Amino acid sequence: MARPYVYHYVKAYTRSHKLSQAIARKELDKAGFAIASAPAAWEHFATNADTIVVVTNVPLSPSKTYVHVLATSNTNAPAKKWSAAIQKAIKDSKLTLID
C-alpha cells in the first residue's frame, strides 16, 4: 500500500471572504474536480480520480482572506501538481462579485 503524499500552499489575499469562497469553488470546478461539500463557512472539499483537495478560506478582515490549499494523493505527482495549480488559479483569478 502506498503512503499518502500531501502538499499545501498558503497565501493571504486582499479580497473579501465571499469573493475568495466563490473563486475557490469556481477554480476547483474548472480544474475538473467534483466538489463533494456543500458551500460552507470556510472550506471546500473536492476530488478527482486520484487526488483530494481541500481549500480553506479564513477571513482576516473584511478585505483580506487567508487561503490554504491542501492536496493529497497516493502518488507524489498529482498531489504536488494540484496543490500548486489550484493555488495559482486562485491567485490569478479575475472573478468579481456583482451585487
PDB file of N, CA and C in Angstrom:
ATOM      1  N   MET A   1       0.840  -1.176   0.000  1.00  0.00           N
ATOM      2  CA  MET A   1       0.000   0.000   0.000  1.00  0.00           C
ATOM      3  C   MET A   1       0.891   1.246   0.000  1.00  0.00           C
ATOM      4  N   ALA A   2       0.550   2.182  -0.861  1.00  0.00           N
ATOM      5  CA  ALA A   2       1.332   3.408  -0.974  1.00  0.00           C
ATOM      6  C   ALA A   2       0.978   4.370   0.157  1.00  0.00           C
ATOM      7  N   ARG A   3       1.951   5.115   0.578  1.00  0.00           N
ATOM      8  CA  ARG A   3       1.687   6.125   1.599  1.00  0.00           C
ATOM      9  C   ARG A   3       1.095   7.361   0.941  1.00  0.00           C
ATOM     10  N   PRO A   4       0.289   8.102   1.639  1.00  0.00           N
ATOM     11  CA  PRO A   4      -0.278   9.314   1.038  1.00  0.00           C
ATOM     12  C   PRO A   4       0.756  10.446   0.997  1.00  0.00           C
ATOM     13  N   TYR A   5       0.687  11.208  -0.053  1.00  0.00           N
ATOM     14  CA  TYR A   5       1.522  12.392  -0.208  1.00  0.00           C
ATOM     15  C   TYR A   5       0.642  13.619   0.020  1.00  0.00           C
ATOM     16  N   VAL A   6       1.176  14.610   0.691  1.00  0.00           N
ATOM     17  CA  VAL A   6       0.424  15.829   0.990  1.00  0.00           C
ATOM     18  C   VAL A   6       1.278  17.035   0.606  1.00  0.00           C
ATOM     19  N   TYR A   7       0.662  17.939  -0.140  1.00  0.00           N
ATOM     20  CA  TYR A   7       1.299  19.209  -0.485  1.00  0.00           C
ATOM     21  C   TYR A   7       0.326  20.322  -0.130  1.00  0.00           C
ATOM     22  N   HIS A   8       0.860  21.462   0.277  1.00  0.00           N
ATOM     23  CA  HIS A   8      -0.032  22.571   0.579  1.00  0.00           C
ATOM     24  C   HIS A   8       0.651  23.900   0.293  1.00  0.00           C
ATOM     25  N   TYR A   9      -0.184  24.865  -0.029  1.00  0.00           N
ATOM     26  CA  TYR A   9       0.255  26.235  -0.267  1.00  0.00           C
ATOM     27  C   TYR A   9      -0.669  27.151   0.513  1.00  0.00           C
ATOM     28  N   VAL A  10      -0.117  28.236   1.043  1.00  0.00           N
ATOM     29  CA  VAL A  10      -0.920  29.220   1.773  1.00  0.00           C
ATOM     30  C   VAL A  10      -0.553  30.624   1.301  1.00  0.00           C
ATOM     31  N   LYS A  11      -1.548  31.492   1.328  1.00  0.00           N
ATOM     32  CA  LYS A  11      -1.308  32.886   0.968  1.00  0.00           C
ATOM     33  C   LYS A  11      -2.483  33.716   1.474  1.00  0.00           C
ATOM     34  N   ALA A  12      -2.201  34.942   1.860  1.00  0.00           N
ATOM     35  CA  ALA A  12      -3.256  35.883   2.229  1.00  0.00           C
ATOM     36  C   ALA A  12      -3.491  36.807   1.038  1.00  0.00           C
ATOM     37  N   TYR A  13      -4.750  36.938   0.650  1.00  0.00           N
ATOM     38  CA  TYR A  13      -5.121  37.765  -0.494  1.00  0.00           C
ATOM     39  C   TYR A  13      -5.914  38.984  -0.037  1.00  0.00           C
ATOM     40  N   THR A  14      -5.756  40.076  -0.757  1.00  0.00           N
ATOM     41  CA  THR A  14      -6.531  41.279  -0.484  1.00  0.00           C
ATOM     42  C   THR A  14      -7.822  41.175  -1.291  1.00  0.00           C
ATOM     43  N   ARG A  15      -8.750  40.429  -0.731  1.00  0.00           N
ATOM     44  CA  ARG A  15     -10.088  40.281  -1.312  1.00  0.00           C
ATOM     45  C   ARG A  15     -11.005  39.775  -0.214  1.00  0.00           C
ATOM     46  N   SER A  16     -12.273  39.971  -0.401  1.00  0.00           N
ATOM     47  CA  SER A  16     -13.231  39.583   0.634  1.00  0.00           C
ATOM     48  C   SER A  16     -13.331  38.063   0.771  1.00  0.00           C
ATOM     49  N   HIS A  17     -13.825  37.656   1.911  1.00  0.00           N
ATOM     50  CA  HIS A  17     -14.037  36.231   2.156  1.00  0.00           C
ATOM     51  C   HIS A  17     -15.055  35.664   1.174  1.00  0.00           C
ATOM     52  N   LYS A  18     -16.119  36.393   0.924  1.00  0.00           N
ATOM     53  CA  LYS A  18     -17.163  35.941  -0.001  1.00  0.00           C
ATOM     54  C   LYS A  18     -16.590  35.730  -1.402  1.00  0.00           C
ATOM     55  N   LEU A  19     -15.764  36.652  -1.865  1.00  0.00           N
ATOM     56  CA  LEU A  19     -15.135  36.512  -3.173  1.00  0.00           C
ATOM     57  C   LEU A  19     -14.164  35.331  -3.176  1.00  0.00           C
ATOM     58  N   SER A  20     -13.395  35.175  -2.126  1.00  0.00           N
ATOM     59  CA  SER A  20     -12.459  34.052  -2.036  1.00  0.00           C
ATOM     60  C   SER A  20     -13.190  32.713  -2.097  1.00  0.00           C
ATOM     61  N   GLN A  21     -14.336  32.636  -1.436  1.00  0.00           N
ATOM     62  CA  GLN A  21     -15.142  31.414  -1.467  1.00  0.00           C
ATOM     63  C   GLN A  21     -15.608  31.118  -2.899  1.00  0.00           C
ATOM     64  N   ALA A  22     -16.103  32.129  -3.587  1.00  0.00           N
ATOM     65  CA  ALA A  22     -16.587  31.952  -4.958  1.00  0.00           C
ATOM     66  C   ALA A  22     -15.458  31.535  -5.896  1.00  0.00           C
ATOM     67  N   ILE A  23     -14.303  32.151  -5.746  1.00  0.00           N
ATOM     68  CA  ILE A  23     -13.153  31.814  -6.585  1.00  0.00           C
ATOM     69  C   ILE A  23     -12.723  30.374  -6.347  1.00  0.00           C
ATOM     70  N   ALA A  24     -12.635  29.960  -5.098  1.00  0.00           N
ATOM     71  CA  ALA A  24     -12.210  28.587  -4.786  1.00  0.00           C
ATOM     72  C   ALA A  24     -13.118  27.571  -5.458  1.00  0.00           C
ATOM     73  N   ARG A  25     -14.427  27.722  -5.310  1.00  0.00           N
ATOM     74  CA  ARG A  25     -15.370  26.776  -5.913  1.00  0.00           C
ATOM     75  C   ARG A  25     -15.280  26.796  -7.442  1.00  0.00           C
ATOM     76  N   LYS A  26     -15.149  27.987  -8.020  1.00  0.00           N
ATOM     77  CA  LYS A  26     -15.058  28.094  -9.479  1.00  0.00           C
ATOM     78  C   LYS A  26     -13.801  27.417  -9.999  1.00  0.00           C
ATOM     79  N   GLU A  27     -12.668  27.650  -9.360  1.00  0.00           N
ATOM     80  CA  GLU A  27     -11.403  27.095  -9.839  1.00  0.00           C
ATOM     81  C   GLU A  27     -11.350  25.568  -9.656  1.00  0.00           C
ATOM     82  N   LEU A  28     -11.906  25.059  -8.575  1.00  0.00           N
ATOM     83  CA  LEU A  28     -11.979  23.608  -8.407  1.00  0.00           C
ATOM     84  C   LEU A  28     -12.823  22.986  -9.514  1.00  0.00           C
ATOM     85  N   ASP A  29     -13.956  23.605  -9.807  1.00  0.00           N
ATOM     86  CA  ASP A  29     -14.838  23.112 -10.864  1.00  0.00           C
ATOM     87  C   ASP A  29     -14.153  23.183 -12.227  1.00  0.00           C
ATOM     88  N   LYS A  30     -13.498  24.306 -12.530  1.00  0.00           N
ATOM     89  CA  LYS A  30     -12.798  24.456 -13.809  1.00  0.00           C
ATOM     90  C   LYS A  30     -11.703  23.413 -13.987  1.00  0.00           C
ATOM     91  N   ALA A  31     -11.070  23.002 -12.894  1.00  0.00           N
ATOM     92  CA  ALA A  31      -9.998  22.010 -12.955  1.00  0.00           C
ATOM     93  C   ALA A  31     -10.532  20.580 -13.073  1.00  0.00           C
ATOM     94  N   GLY A  32     -11.852  20.434 -13.058  1.00  0.00           N
ATOM     95  CA  GLY A  32     -12.440  19.109 -13.236  1.00  0.00           C
ATOM     96  C   GLY A  32     -12.674  18.333 -11.958  1.00  0.00           C
ATOM     97  N   PHE A  33     -12.568  18.997 -10.821  1.00  0.00           N
ATOM     98  CA  PHE A  33     -12.811  18.325  -9.552  1.00  0.00           C
ATOM     99  C   PHE A  33     -14.301  18.255  -9.267  1.00  0.00           C
ATOM    100  N   ALA A  34     -14.727  17.164  -8.661  1.00  0.00           N
ATOM    101  CA  ALA A  34     -16.102  17.039  -8.179  1.00  0.00           C
ATOM    102  C   ALA A  34     -16.126  17.618  -6.776  1.00  0.00           C
ATOM    103  N   ILE A  35     -16.888  18.669  -6.580  1.00  0.00           N
ATOM    104  CA  ILE A  35     -16.949  19.310  -5.268  1.00  0.00           C
ATOM    105  C   ILE A  35     -17.880  18.476  -4.400  1.00  0.00           C
ATOM    106  N   ALA A  36     -17.290  17.880  -3.368  1.00  0.00           N
ATOM    107  CA  ALA A  36     -18.008  16.931  -2.521  1.00  0.00           C
ATOM    108  C   ALA A  36     -18.642  17.581  -1.305  1.00  0.00           C
ATOM    109  N   SER A  37     -18.433  18.871  -1.133  1.00  0.00           N
ATOM    110  CA  SER A  37     -19.002  19.550   0.032  1.00  0.00           C
ATOM    111  C   SER A  37     -19.950  20.650  -0.423  1.00  0.00           C
ATOM    112  N   ALA A  38     -20.985  20.841   0.356  1.00  0.00           N
ATOM    113  CA  ALA A  38     -21.871  21.971   0.114  1.00  0.00           C
ATOM    114  C   ALA A  38     -21.108  23.241   0.471  1.00  0.00           C
ATOM    115  N   PRO A  39     -21.500  24.377  -0.088  1.00  0.00           N
ATOM    116  CA  PRO A  39     -20.818  25.611   0.322  1.00  0.00           C
ATOM    117  C   PRO A  39     -20.837  25.738   1.846  1.00  0.00           C
ATOM    118  N   ALA A  40     -19.665  25.960   2.404  1.00  0.00           N
ATOM    119  CA  ALA A  40     -19.531  26.015   3.860  1.00  0.00           C
ATOM    120  C   ALA A  40     -18.957  27.370   4.260  1.00  0.00           C
ATOM    121  N   ALA A  41     -18.850  27.561   5.539  1.00  0.00           N
ATOM    122  CA  ALA A  41     -18.342  28.838   6.054  1.00  0.00           C
ATOM    123  C   ALA A  41     -16.907  29.108   5.617  1.00  0.00           C
ATOM    124  N   TRP A  42     -16.071  28.059   5.585  1.00  0.00           N
ATOM    125  CA  TRP A  42     -14.656  28.285   5.297  1.00  0.00           C
ATOM    126  C   TRP A  42     -14.047  27.334   4.283  1.00  0.00           C
ATOM    127  N   GLU A  43     -14.498  26.083   4.181  1.00  0.00           N
ATOM    128  CA  GLU A  43     -13.743  25.105   3.415  1.00  0.00           C
ATOM    129  C   GLU A  43     -14.544  24.502   2.265  1.00  0.00           C
ATOM    130  N   HIS A  44     -13.773  23.949   1.296  1.00  0.00           N
ATOM    131  CA  HIS A  44     -14.329  23.255   0.142  1.00  0.00           C
ATOM    132  C   HIS A  44     -13.537  21.963  -0.026  1.00  0.00           C
ATOM    133  N   PHE A  45     -14.230  20.862  -0.154  1.00  0.00           N
ATOM    134  CA  PHE A  45     -13.644  19.538  -0.280  1.00  0.00           C
ATOM    135  C   PHE A  45     -13.979  19.034  -1.672  1.00  0.00           C
ATOM    136  N   ALA A  46     -12.956  18.634  -2.452  1.00  0.00           N
ATOM    137  CA  ALA A  46     -13.192  18.194  -3.825  1.00  0.00           C
ATOM    138  C   ALA A  46     -12.275  17.023  -4.169  1.00  0.00           C
ATOM    139  N   THR A  47     -12.731  16.217  -5.136  1.00  0.00           N
ATOM    140  CA  THR A  47     -11.960  15.044  -5.548  1.00  0.00           C
ATOM    141  C   THR A  47     -11.931  14.922  -7.063  1.00  0.00           C
ATOM    142  N   ASN A  48     -10.896  14.246  -7.549  1.00  0.00           N
ATOM    143  CA  ASN A  48     -10.889  13.767  -8.924  1.00  0.00           C
ATOM    144  C   ASN A  48     -10.444  12.312  -8.864  1.00  0.00           C
ATOM    145  N   ALA A  49     -10.021  11.734  -9.953  1.00  0.00           N
ATOM    146  CA  ALA A  49      -9.708  10.303  -9.994  1.00  0.00           C
ATOM    147  C   ALA A  49      -8.625   9.879  -9.008  1.00  0.00           C
ATOM    148  N   ASP A  50      -7.678  10.772  -8.699  1.00  0.00           N
ATOM    149  CA  ASP A  50      -6.564  10.350  -7.849  1.00  0.00           C
ATOM    150  C   ASP A  50      -6.160  11.336  -6.765  1.00  0.00           C
ATOM    151  N   THR A  51      -6.903  12.421  -6.590  1.00  0.00           N
ATOM    152  CA  THR A  51      -6.481  13.465  -5.663  1.00  0.00           C
ATOM    153  C   THR A  51      -7.668  14.011  -4.868  1.00  0.00           C
ATOM    154  N   ILE A  52      -7.406  14.307  -3.620  1.00  0.00           N
ATOM    155  CA  ILE A  52      -8.361  15.013  -2.768  1.00  0.00           C
ATOM    156  C   ILE A  52      -7.781  16.394  -2.511  1.00  0.00           C
ATOM    157  N   VAL A  53      -8.602  17.423  -2.702  1.00  0.00           N
ATOM    158  CA  VAL A  53      -8.160  18.801  -2.463  1.00  0.00           C
ATOM    159  C   VAL A  53      -9.108  19.450  -1.462  1.00  0.00           C
ATOM    160  N   VAL A  54      -8.532  20.156  -0.495  1.00  0.00           N
ATOM    161  CA  VAL A  54      -9.311  20.942   0.453  1.00  0.00           C
ATOM    162  C   VAL A  54      -8.811  22.381   0.363  1.00  0.00           C
ATOM    163  N   VAL A  55      -9.733  23.306   0.105  1.00  0.00           N
ATOM    164  CA  VAL A  55      -9.392  24.730   0.076  1.00  0.00           C
ATOM    165  C   VAL A  55     -10.094  25.373   1.265  1.00  0.00           C
ATOM    166  N   THR A  56      -9.314  26.002   2.121  1.00  0.00           N
ATOM    167  CA  THR A  56      -9.851  26.675   3.300  1.00  0.00           C
ATOM    168  C   THR A  56      -9.618  28.172   3.148  1.00  0.00           C
ATOM    169  N   ASN A  57     -10.678  28.944   3.347  1.00  0.00           N
ATOM    170  CA  ASN A  57     -10.620  30.406   3.270  1.00  0.00           C
ATOM    171  C   ASN A  57     -10.977  30.969   4.640  1.00  0.00           C
ATOM    172  N   VAL A  58     -10.028  31.657   5.253  1.00  0.00           N
ATOM    173  CA  VAL A  58     -10.240  32.211   6.590  1.00  0.00           C
ATOM    174  C   VAL A  58     -10.230  33.727   6.505  1.00  0.00           C
ATOM    175  N   PRO A  59     -11.339  34.379   6.885  1.00  0.00           N
ATOM    176  CA  PRO A  59     -11.351  35.839   6.831  1.00  0.00           C
ATOM    177  C   PRO A  59     -10.437  36.433   7.897  1.00  0.00           C
ATOM    178  N   LEU A  60      -9.543  37.307   7.468  1.00  0.00           N
ATOM    179  CA  LEU A  60      -8.656  38.005   8.396  1.00  0.00           C
ATOM    180  C   LEU A  60      -9.180  39.398   8.713  1.00  0.00           C
ATOM    181  N   SER A  61      -9.878  39.979   7.745  1.00  0.00           N
ATOM    182  CA  SER A  61     -10.521  41.289   7.888  1.00  0.00           C
ATOM    183  C   SER A  61     -11.577  41.348   6.787  1.00  0.00           C
ATOM    184  N   PRO A  62     -12.350  42.412   6.719  1.00  0.00           N
ATOM    185  CA  PRO A  62     -13.352  42.490   5.651  1.00  0.00           C
ATOM    186  C   PRO A  62     -12.758  42.446   4.236  1.00  0.00           C
ATOM    187  N   SER A  63     -11.488  42.811   4.111  1.00  0.00           N
ATOM    188  CA  SER A  63     -10.894  42.848   2.775  1.00  0.00           C
ATOM    189  C   SER A  63      -9.648  41.969   2.619  1.00  0.00           C
ATOM    190  N   LYS A  64      -9.425  41.071   3.554  1.00  0.00           N
ATOM    191  CA  LYS A  64      -8.258  40.197   3.464  1.00  0.00           C
ATOM    192  C   LYS A  64      -8.648  38.789   3.894  1.00  0.00           C
ATOM    193  N   THR A  65      -8.216  37.787   3.090  1.00  0.00           N
ATOM    194  CA  THR A  65      -8.566  36.393   3.358  1.00  0.00           C
ATOM    195  C   THR A  65      -7.337  35.509   3.218  1.00  0.00           C
ATOM    196  N   TYR A  66      -7.153  34.625   4.183  1.00  0.00           N
ATOM    197  CA  TYR A  66      -6.092  33.625   4.193  1.00  0.00           C
ATOM    198  C   TYR A  66      -6.620  32.403   3.438  1.00  0.00           C
ATOM    199  N   VAL A  67      -5.875  31.946   2.432  1.00  0.00           N
ATOM    200  CA  VAL A  67      -6.300  30.804   1.626  1.00  0.00           C
ATOM    201  C   VAL A  67      -5.264  29.691   1.748  1.00  0.00           C
ATOM    202  N   HIS A  68      -5.722  28.509   2.141  1.00  0.00           N
ATOM    203  CA  HIS A  68      -4.869  27.341   2.300  1.00  0.00           C
ATOM    204  C   HIS A  68      -5.380  26.256   1.363  1.00  0.00           C
ATOM    205  N   VAL A  69      -4.521  25.802   0.452  1.00  0.00           N
ATOM    206  CA  VAL A  69      -4.866  24.726  -0.476  1.00  0.00           C
ATOM    207  C   VAL A  69      -4.042  23.508  -0.094  1.00  0.00           C
ATOM    208  N   LEU A  70      -4.726  22.417   0.204  1.00  0.00           N
ATOM    209  CA  LEU A  70      -4.075  21.167   0.575  1.00  0.00           C
ATOM    210  C   LEU A  70      -4.513  20.099  -0.412  1.00  0.00           C
ATOM    211  N   ALA A  71      -3.552  19.361  -0.965  1.00  0.00           N
ATOM    212  CA  ALA A  71      -3.869  18.268  -1.887  1.00  0.00           C
ATOM    213  C   ALA A  71      -3.166  17.010  -1.410  1.00  0.00           C
ATOM    214  N   THR A  72      -3.864  15.887  -1.490  1.00  0.00           N
ATOM    215  CA  THR A  72      -3.283  14.616  -1.090  1.00  0.00           C
ATOM    216  C   THR A  72      -3.621  13.540  -2.108  1.00  0.00           C
ATOM    217  N   SER A  73      -2.690  12.609  -2.278  1.00  0.00           N
ATOM    218  CA  SER A  73      -2.865  11.517  -3.226  1.00  0.00           C
ATOM    219  C   SER A  73      -1.961  10.357  -2.800  1.00  0.00           C
ATOM    220  N   ASN A  74      -2.220   9.170  -3.349  1.00  0.00           N
ATOM    221  CA  ASN A  74      -1.376   8.015  -3.047  1.00  0.00           C
ATOM    222  C   ASN A  74      -0.074   8.026  -3.831  1.00  0.00           C
ATOM    223  N   THR A  75       0.042   8.932  -4.794  1.00  0.00           N
ATOM    224  CA  THR A  75       1.296   9.103  -5.530  1.00  0.00           C
ATOM    225  C   THR A  75       1.694  10.579  -5.456  1.00  0.00           C
ATOM    226  N   ASN A  76       2.954  10.830  -5.619  1.00  0.00           N
ATOM    227  CA  ASN A  76       3.507  12.156  -5.427  1.00  0.00           C
ATOM    228  C   ASN A  76       3.032  13.180  -6.453  1.00  0.00           C
ATOM    229  N   ALA A  77       3.092  12.834  -7.727  1.00  0.00           N
ATOM    230  CA  ALA A  77       2.871  13.813  -8.796  1.00  0.00           C
ATOM    231  C   ALA A  77       1.514  14.511  -8.742  1.00  0.00           C
ATOM    232  N   PRO A  78       0.388  13.799  -8.592  1.00  0.00           N
ATOM    233  CA  PRO A  78      -0.895  14.507  -8.588  1.00  0.00           C
ATOM    234  C   PRO A  78      -1.050  15.469  -7.403  1.00  0.00           C
ATOM    235  N   ALA A  79      -0.616  15.069  -6.231  1.00  0.00           N
ATOM    236  CA  ALA A  79      -0.738  15.946  -5.063  1.00  0.00           C
ATOM    237  C   ALA A  79       0.086  17.209  -5.267  1.00  0.00           C
ATOM    238  N   LYS A  80       1.294  17.045  -5.748  1.00  0.00           N
ATOM    239  CA  LYS A  80       2.166  18.189  -5.981  1.00  0.00           C
ATOM    240  C   LYS A  80       1.596  19.102  -7.059  1.00  0.00           C
ATOM    241  N   LYS A  81       1.124  18.502  -8.150  1.00  0.00           N
ATOM    242  CA  LYS A  81       0.572  19.272  -9.268  1.00  0.00           C
ATOM    243  C   LYS A  81      -0.653  20.077  -8.849  1.00  0.00           C
ATOM    244  N   TRP A  82      -1.622  19.401  -8.213  1.00  0.00           N
ATOM    245  CA  TRP A  82      -2.897  20.060  -7.952  1.00  0.00           C
ATOM    246  C   TRP A  82      -2.828  21.101  -6.835  1.00  0.00           C
ATOM    247  N   SER A  83      -1.986  20.902  -5.846  1.00  0.00           N
ATOM    248  CA  SER A  83      -1.894  21.935  -4.806  1.00  0.00           C
ATOM    249  C   SER A  83      -1.365  23.231  -5.403  1.00  0.00           C
ATOM    250  N   ALA A  84      -0.346  23.127  -6.235  1.00  0.00           N
ATOM    251  CA  ALA A  84       0.223  24.318  -6.873  1.00  0.00           C
ATOM    252  C   ALA A  84      -0.730  24.907  -7.909  1.00  0.00           C
ATOM    253  N   ALA A  85      -1.355  24.061  -8.709  1.00  0.00           N
ATOM    254  CA  ALA A  85      -2.226  24.543  -9.786  1.00  0.00           C
ATOM    255  C   ALA A  85      -3.464  25.255  -9.249  1.00  0.00           C
ATOM    256  N   ILE A  86      -4.076  24.716  -8.219  1.00  0.00           N
ATOM    257  CA  ILE A  86      -5.277  25.338  -7.663  1.00  0.00           C
ATOM    258  C   ILE A  86      -4.916  26.664  -6.990  1.00  0.00           C
ATOM    259  N   GLN A  87      -3.823  26.705  -6.240  1.00  0.00           N
ATOM    260  CA  GLN A  87      -3.422  27.973  -5.609  1.00  0.00           C
ATOM    261  C   GLN A  87      -3.098  29.028  -6.677  1.00  0.00           C
ATOM    262  N   LYS A  88      -2.424  28.631  -7.761  1.00  0.00           N
ATOM    263  CA  LYS A  88      -2.105  29.574  -8.833  1.00  0.00           C
ATOM    264  C   LYS A  88      -3.385  30.078  -9.496  1.00  0.00           C
ATOM    265  N   ALA A  89      -4.332  29.181  -9.754  1.00  0.00           N
ATOM    266  CA  ALA A  89      -5.597  29.590 -10.371  1.00  0.00           C
ATOM    267  C   ALA A  89      -6.350  30.565  -9.467  1.00  0.00           C
ATOM    268  N   ILE A  90      -6.330  30.311  -8.164  1.00  0.00           N
ATOM    269  CA  ILE A  90      -6.972  31.218  -7.212  1.00  0.00           C
ATOM    270  C   ILE A  90      -6.267  32.574  -7.232  1.00  0.00           C
ATOM    271  N   LYS A  91      -4.952  32.552  -7.227  1.00  0.00           N
ATOM    272  CA  LYS A  91      -4.172  33.796  -7.242  1.00  0.00           C
ATOM    273  C   LYS A  91      -4.435  34.606  -8.506  1.00  0.00           C
ATOM    274  N   ASP A  92      -4.502  33.947  -9.655  1.00  0.00           N
ATOM    275  CA  ASP A  92      -4.636  34.621 -10.939  1.00  0.00           C
ATOM    276  C   ASP A  92      -6.082  34.942 -11.323  1.00  0.00           C
ATOM    277  N   SER A  93      -7.048  34.512 -10.530  1.00  0.00           N
ATOM    278  CA  SER A  93      -8.452  34.708 -10.880  1.00  0.00           C
ATOM    279  C   SER A  93      -8.814  36.191 -11.010  1.00  0.00           C
ATOM    280  N   LYS A  94      -9.618  36.473 -12.010  1.00  0.00           N
ATOM    281  CA  LYS A  94     -10.117  37.834 -12.253  1.00  0.00           C
ATOM    282  C   LYS A  94     -11.599  37.936 -11.887  1.00  0.00           C
ATOM    283  N   LEU A  95     -12.126  36.918 -11.229  1.00  0.00           N
ATOM    284  CA  LEU A  95     -13.537  36.899 -10.867  1.00  0.00           C
ATOM    285  C   LEU A  95     -13.877  38.076  -9.954  1.00  0.00           C
ATOM    286  N   THR A  96     -15.034  38.666 -10.190  1.00  0.00           N
ATOM    287  CA  THR A  96     -15.565  39.704  -9.318  1.00  0.00           C
ATOM    288  C   THR A  96     -17.004  39.354  -8.983  1.00  0.00           C
ATOM    289  N   LEU A  97     -17.469  39.821  -7.867  1.00  0.00           N
ATOM    290  CA  LEU A  97     -18.850  39.595  -7.459  1.00  0.00           C
ATOM    291  C   LEU A  97     -19.692  40.788  -7.840  1.00  0.00           C
ATOM    292  N   ILE A  98     -20.872  40.521  -8.349  1.00  0.00           N
ATOM    293  CA  ILE A  98     -21.805  41.591  -8.700  1.00  0.00           C
ATOM    294  C   ILE A  98     -22.968  41.509  -7.717  1.00  0.00           C
ATOM    295  N   ASP A  99     -23.211  42.559  -7.005  1.00  0.00           N
ATOM    296  CA  ASP A  99     -24.302  42.580  -6.029  1.00  0.00           C
ATOM    297  C   ASP A  99     -25.643  42.703  -6.694  1.00  0.00           C
TER     298      ASP A  99
END
